[in-house]
Amino acid sequence: MKNFSIGNFKLDNVYNPYIIAEIGVNHEGDLSLAKKLIKQAAIAGAHAAKFQTYKAETLASKNSPAYWDKSKEKTNSQYALFKKYDGFDHKEYKELANYCSKCNIDF
């Protein structure tokens, strides 16, 4: 395997993987919850925290029906569900990136 780096992490053999914590939208649009998830990922040994970034308008039609079990998630359309979690803007993502840096984890 060829040696290369991701940030400050050097990948130099197959026994030293780079771990990415998939936070996705599990923060539910809550900045403080997102920070808690970053902290927990760092404590667990992850090297990076990954978020899903999108805007509902570019992802789903306003008329898109739900495809999930609505007894667990009451939202009636894909657009409405995606809209619930697309609240972070550039400023907030920058704040999360800075928090990742404080936790010694890549963003």
N, C-alpha and C. Protein backbone atom coordinates (compact mmCIF):
# COMPACT_ATOMS: atom_id res chain seq x y z
N MET A 1 0.84 -1.18 0.00
CA MET A 1 0.00 0.00 0.00
C MET A 1 0.88 1.23 0.00
N LYS A 2 0.51 2.20 -0.81
CA LYS A 2 1.23 3.45 -0.87
C LYS A 2 0.89 4.31 0.35
N ASN A 3 1.86 4.99 0.91
CA ASN A 3 1.62 5.85 2.06
C ASN A 3 0.99 7.17 1.62
N PHE A 4 0.00 7.63 2.38
CA PHE A 4 -0.57 8.95 2.15
C PHE A 4 -1.20 9.44 3.45
N SER A 5 -1.58 10.72 3.46
CA SER A 5 -2.12 11.32 4.67
C SER A 5 -3.49 11.93 4.41
N ILE A 6 -4.29 11.92 5.45
CA ILE A 6 -5.56 12.65 5.47
C ILE A 6 -5.42 13.60 6.65
N GLY A 7 -5.32 14.88 6.37
CA GLY A 7 -5.03 15.84 7.44
C GLY A 7 -3.70 15.49 8.08
N ASN A 8 -3.70 15.32 9.38
CA ASN A 8 -2.48 14.94 10.09
C ASN A 8 -2.34 13.43 10.26
N PHE A 9 -3.31 12.68 9.78
CA PHE A 9 -3.30 11.22 9.96
C PHE A 9 -2.57 10.56 8.80
N LYS A 10 -1.55 9.80 9.13
CA LYS A 10 -0.77 9.11 8.11
C LYS A 10 -1.26 7.66 7.98
N LEU A 11 -1.73 7.33 6.79
CA LEU A 11 -2.14 5.95 6.48
C LEU A 11 -0.92 5.25 5.90
N ASP A 12 -0.33 4.39 6.69
CA ASP A 12 0.89 3.75 6.22
C ASP A 12 0.84 2.23 6.23
N ASN A 13 -0.26 1.67 6.71
CA ASN A 13 -0.43 0.23 6.63
C ASN A 13 -1.90 -0.13 6.80
N VAL A 14 -2.25 -1.36 6.50
CA VAL A 14 -3.65 -1.78 6.53
C VAL A 14 -4.18 -1.97 7.95
N TYR A 15 -3.30 -1.92 8.95
CA TYR A 15 -3.71 -2.12 10.33
C TYR A 15 -3.96 -0.81 11.08
N ASN A 16 -3.93 0.28 10.36
CA ASN A 16 -4.10 1.58 10.98
C ASN A 16 -5.15 2.36 10.19
N PRO A 17 -6.44 1.97 10.31
CA PRO A 17 -7.49 2.61 9.49
C PRO A 17 -7.84 4.01 9.96
N TYR A 18 -8.34 4.79 9.05
CA TYR A 18 -8.87 6.13 9.32
C TYR A 18 -10.37 5.96 9.55
N ILE A 19 -10.84 6.27 10.74
CA ILE A 19 -12.23 6.04 11.12
C ILE A 19 -13.04 7.33 10.94
N ILE A 20 -14.14 7.23 10.18
CA ILE A 20 -15.03 8.37 9.94
C ILE A 20 -16.36 8.10 10.63
N ALA A 21 -16.75 8.96 11.56
CA ALA A 21 -18.03 8.84 12.24
C ALA A 21 -19.09 9.51 11.36
N GLU A 22 -20.08 8.75 10.95
CA GLU A 22 -21.18 9.27 10.13
C GLU A 22 -22.23 9.87 11.05
N ILE A 23 -22.19 11.18 11.20
CA ILE A 23 -23.19 11.87 12.01
C ILE A 23 -24.44 12.11 11.20
N GLY A 24 -24.26 12.33 9.89
CA GLY A 24 -25.40 12.48 9.00
C GLY A 24 -26.30 13.61 9.44
N VAL A 25 -27.57 13.29 9.69
CA VAL A 25 -28.52 14.28 10.22
C VAL A 25 -29.03 13.84 11.59
N ASN A 26 -28.28 13.00 12.26
CA ASN A 26 -28.69 12.54 13.60
C ASN A 26 -28.71 13.66 14.63
N HIS A 27 -28.20 14.82 14.27
CA HIS A 27 -28.24 15.99 15.15
C HIS A 27 -29.64 16.61 15.18
N GLU A 28 -30.51 16.19 14.26
CA GLU A 28 -31.90 16.66 14.19
C GLU A 28 -32.02 18.18 14.11
N GLY A 29 -31.02 18.82 13.50
CA GLY A 29 -31.06 20.27 13.33
C GLY A 29 -30.67 21.04 14.58
N ASP A 30 -30.15 20.37 15.59
CA ASP A 30 -29.79 20.98 16.86
C ASP A 30 -28.27 21.09 16.96
N LEU A 31 -27.75 22.32 16.97
CA LEU A 31 -26.31 22.56 16.98
C LEU A 31 -25.65 21.96 18.22
N SER A 32 -26.27 22.07 19.38
CA SER A 32 -25.66 21.52 20.59
C SER A 32 -25.61 20.00 20.54
N LEU A 33 -26.64 19.36 19.96
CA LEU A 33 -26.62 17.91 19.79
C LEU A 33 -25.52 17.51 18.80
N ALA A 34 -25.36 18.28 17.74
CA ALA A 34 -24.29 18.01 16.77
C ALA A 34 -22.92 18.03 17.45
N LYS A 35 -22.72 19.00 18.33
CA LYS A 35 -21.44 19.08 19.07
C LYS A 35 -21.27 17.89 20.00
N LYS A 36 -22.34 17.46 20.65
CA LYS A 36 -22.25 16.28 21.52
C LYS A 36 -21.86 15.05 20.71
N LEU A 37 -22.43 14.93 19.51
CA LEU A 37 -22.11 13.79 18.65
C LEU A 37 -20.65 13.83 18.20
N ILE A 38 -20.14 15.02 17.92
CA ILE A 38 -18.72 15.18 17.56
C ILE A 38 -17.86 14.73 18.73
N LYS A 39 -18.18 15.21 19.92
CA LYS A 39 -17.40 14.87 21.11
C LYS A 39 -17.41 13.36 21.34
N GLN A 40 -18.57 12.74 21.22
CA GLN A 40 -18.66 11.29 21.41
C GLN A 40 -17.87 10.53 20.35
N ALA A 41 -17.89 11.03 19.11
CA ALA A 41 -17.11 10.39 18.05
C ALA A 41 -15.62 10.46 18.37
N ALA A 42 -15.18 11.61 18.86
CA ALA A 42 -13.77 11.78 19.21
C ALA A 42 -13.39 10.85 20.37
N ILE A 43 -14.23 10.79 21.38
CA ILE A 43 -13.98 9.92 22.53
C ILE A 43 -13.91 8.45 22.10
N ALA A 44 -14.76 8.09 21.14
CA ALA A 44 -14.79 6.71 20.65
C ALA A 44 -13.60 6.37 19.76
N GLY A 45 -12.81 7.38 19.38
CA GLY A 45 -11.61 7.11 18.59
C GLY A 45 -11.72 7.41 17.12
N ALA A 46 -12.82 8.02 16.70
CA ALA A 46 -12.95 8.38 15.28
C ALA A 46 -11.95 9.48 14.94
N HIS A 47 -11.52 9.49 13.70
CA HIS A 47 -10.59 10.51 13.22
C HIS A 47 -11.31 11.68 12.54
N ALA A 48 -12.56 11.44 12.12
CA ALA A 48 -13.32 12.48 11.41
C ALA A 48 -14.79 12.36 11.73
N ALA A 49 -15.50 13.47 11.62
CA ALA A 49 -16.96 13.51 11.75
C ALA A 49 -17.52 13.95 10.41
N LYS A 50 -18.49 13.18 9.89
CA LYS A 50 -19.08 13.47 8.59
C LYS A 50 -20.54 13.85 8.78
N PHE A 51 -20.93 14.94 8.15
CA PHE A 51 -22.31 15.41 8.20
C PHE A 51 -22.91 15.34 6.80
N GLN A 52 -24.23 15.21 6.72
CA GLN A 52 -24.92 15.33 5.44
C GLN A 52 -25.33 16.78 5.28
N THR A 53 -24.97 17.36 4.17
CA THR A 53 -25.34 18.75 3.90
C THR A 53 -26.17 18.78 2.63
N TYR A 54 -27.33 19.37 2.74
CA TYR A 54 -28.23 19.48 1.59
C TYR A 54 -29.30 20.51 1.92
N LYS A 55 -30.06 20.86 0.93
CA LYS A 55 -31.25 21.67 1.10
C LYS A 55 -32.40 20.87 0.51
N ALA A 56 -33.50 20.81 1.21
CA ALA A 56 -34.64 19.99 0.79
C ALA A 56 -35.08 20.34 -0.63
N GLU A 57 -35.02 21.63 -0.97
CA GLU A 57 -35.46 22.08 -2.30
C GLU A 57 -34.65 21.44 -3.43
N THR A 58 -33.42 21.05 -3.17
CA THR A 58 -32.59 20.47 -4.22
C THR A 58 -32.56 18.95 -4.15
N LEU A 59 -33.28 18.39 -3.17
CA LEU A 59 -33.20 16.94 -2.95
C LEU A 59 -34.51 16.21 -3.26
N ALA A 60 -35.63 16.86 -3.00
CA ALA A 60 -36.92 16.17 -3.16
C ALA A 60 -37.99 17.12 -3.66
N SER A 61 -38.92 16.57 -4.38
CA SER A 61 -40.08 17.33 -4.84
C SER A 61 -40.99 17.60 -3.65
N LYS A 62 -41.67 18.73 -3.67
CA LYS A 62 -42.62 19.04 -2.59
C LYS A 62 -43.78 18.04 -2.58
N ASN A 63 -43.97 17.32 -3.66
CA ASN A 63 -45.05 16.34 -3.75
C ASN A 63 -44.57 14.90 -3.54
N SER A 64 -43.35 14.73 -3.09
CA SER A 64 -42.80 13.38 -2.92
C SER A 64 -43.42 12.69 -1.71
N PRO A 65 -44.01 11.52 -1.91
CA PRO A 65 -44.66 10.83 -0.79
C PRO A 65 -43.64 10.20 0.17
N ALA A 66 -44.08 9.97 1.39
CA ALA A 66 -43.25 9.27 2.37
C ALA A 66 -43.06 7.82 1.93
N TYR A 67 -41.89 7.27 2.18
CA TYR A 67 -41.62 5.87 1.85
C TYR A 67 -41.26 5.07 3.11
N TRP A 68 -41.46 5.67 4.28
CA TRP A 68 -41.08 5.04 5.54
C TRP A 68 -42.31 4.70 6.35
N ASP A 69 -42.10 4.01 7.43
CA ASP A 69 -43.17 3.65 8.37
C ASP A 69 -43.60 4.90 9.11
N LYS A 70 -44.78 5.40 8.77
CA LYS A 70 -45.26 6.66 9.36
C LYS A 70 -45.73 6.50 10.81
N SER A 71 -45.76 5.29 11.32
CA SER A 71 -46.07 5.14 12.74
C SER A 71 -44.86 5.55 13.59
N LYS A 72 -43.66 5.52 12.98
CA LYS A 72 -42.44 5.92 13.70
C LYS A 72 -42.01 7.34 13.34
N GLU A 73 -42.18 7.72 12.09
CA GLU A 73 -41.85 9.08 11.61
C GLU A 73 -43.10 9.62 10.96
N LYS A 74 -43.74 10.58 11.61
CA LYS A 74 -45.07 11.06 11.20
C LYS A 74 -45.05 11.97 9.96
N THR A 75 -43.90 12.42 9.53
CA THR A 75 -43.81 13.34 8.39
C THR A 75 -44.38 12.68 7.15
N ASN A 76 -45.21 13.44 6.40
CA ASN A 76 -45.96 12.86 5.28
C ASN A 76 -45.26 12.90 3.93
N SER A 77 -44.18 13.65 3.80
CA SER A 77 -43.51 13.70 2.50
C SER A 77 -41.99 13.71 2.68
N GLN A 78 -41.30 13.29 1.63
CA GLN A 78 -39.84 13.32 1.65
C GLN A 78 -39.35 14.75 1.82
N TYR A 79 -39.96 15.66 1.09
CA TYR A 79 -39.56 17.07 1.17
C TYR A 79 -39.69 17.59 2.60
N ALA A 80 -40.81 17.33 3.24
CA ALA A 80 -41.03 17.82 4.61
C ALA A 80 -40.03 17.22 5.58
N LEU A 81 -39.71 15.94 5.43
CA LEU A 81 -38.72 15.31 6.30
C LEU A 81 -37.35 15.93 6.10
N PHE A 82 -36.93 16.07 4.86
CA PHE A 82 -35.62 16.65 4.58
C PHE A 82 -35.56 18.10 5.06
N LYS A 83 -36.65 18.81 4.95
CA LYS A 83 -36.70 20.21 5.38
C LYS A 83 -36.49 20.33 6.90
N LYS A 84 -36.94 19.33 7.66
CA LYS A 84 -36.78 19.35 9.12
C LYS A 84 -35.31 19.41 9.52
N TYR A 85 -34.42 18.83 8.69
CA TYR A 85 -33.03 18.68 9.09
C TYR A 85 -32.03 19.45 8.24
N ASP A 86 -32.49 20.32 7.37
CA ASP A 86 -31.54 21.06 6.52
C ASP A 86 -31.27 22.47 7.04
N GLY A 87 -31.42 22.66 8.35
CA GLY A 87 -31.36 23.99 8.94
C GLY A 87 -29.98 24.61 9.10
N PHE A 88 -28.92 23.84 9.10
CA PHE A 88 -27.59 24.42 9.30
C PHE A 88 -27.18 25.21 8.06
N ASP A 89 -26.56 26.35 8.30
CA ASP A 89 -26.05 27.16 7.19
C ASP A 89 -24.52 27.16 7.27
N HIS A 90 -23.91 27.93 6.39
CA HIS A 90 -22.45 27.99 6.30
C HIS A 90 -21.82 28.36 7.64
N LYS A 91 -22.40 29.34 8.31
CA LYS A 91 -21.87 29.81 9.61
C LYS A 91 -21.88 28.68 10.64
N GLU A 92 -22.97 27.92 10.69
CA GLU A 92 -23.08 26.84 11.66
C GLU A 92 -22.13 25.68 11.32
N TYR A 93 -21.99 25.39 10.03
CA TYR A 93 -21.03 24.34 9.66
C TYR A 93 -19.60 24.77 10.00
N LYS A 94 -19.30 26.05 9.85
CA LYS A 94 -17.98 26.56 10.22
C LYS A 94 -17.78 26.40 11.73
N GLU A 95 -18.82 26.67 12.51
CA GLU A 95 -18.76 26.49 13.96
C GLU A 95 -18.51 25.02 14.31
N LEU A 96 -19.18 24.11 13.60
CA LEU A 96 -18.97 22.68 13.83
C LEU A 96 -17.56 22.26 13.42
N ALA A 97 -17.06 22.81 12.34
CA ALA A 97 -15.69 22.51 11.92
C ALA A 97 -14.69 22.98 12.98
N ASN A 98 -14.92 24.16 13.54
CA ASN A 98 -14.05 24.66 14.60
C ASN A 98 -14.15 23.78 15.84
N TYR A 99 -15.34 23.31 16.15
CA TYR A 99 -15.51 22.44 17.31
C TYR A 99 -14.79 21.11 17.08
N CYS A 100 -14.88 20.60 15.86
CA CYS A 100 -14.14 19.37 15.53
C CYS A 100 -12.65 19.58 15.79
N SER A 101 -12.14 20.71 15.37
CA SER A 101 -10.73 21.01 15.58
C SER A 101 -10.38 21.01 17.06
N LYS A 102 -11.25 21.59 17.90
CA LYS A 102 -11.02 21.60 19.35
C LYS A 102 -11.02 20.19 19.93
N CYS A 103 -11.78 19.30 19.29
CA CYS A 103 -11.87 17.91 19.75
C CYS A 103 -10.82 17.02 19.09
N ASN A 104 -9.94 17.63 18.30
CA ASN A 104 -8.89 16.89 17.58
C ASN A 104 -9.46 15.82 16.66
N ILE A 105 -10.49 16.22 15.91
CA ILE A 105 -11.13 15.33 14.96
C ILE A 105 -11.35 16.13 13.67
N ASP A 106 -11.15 15.49 12.53
CA ASP A 106 -11.35 16.17 11.24
C ASP A 106 -12.84 16.37 10.97
N PHE A 107 -13.14 17.42 10.24
CA PHE A 107 -14.50 17.74 9.83
C PHE A 107 -14.66 17.41 8.37
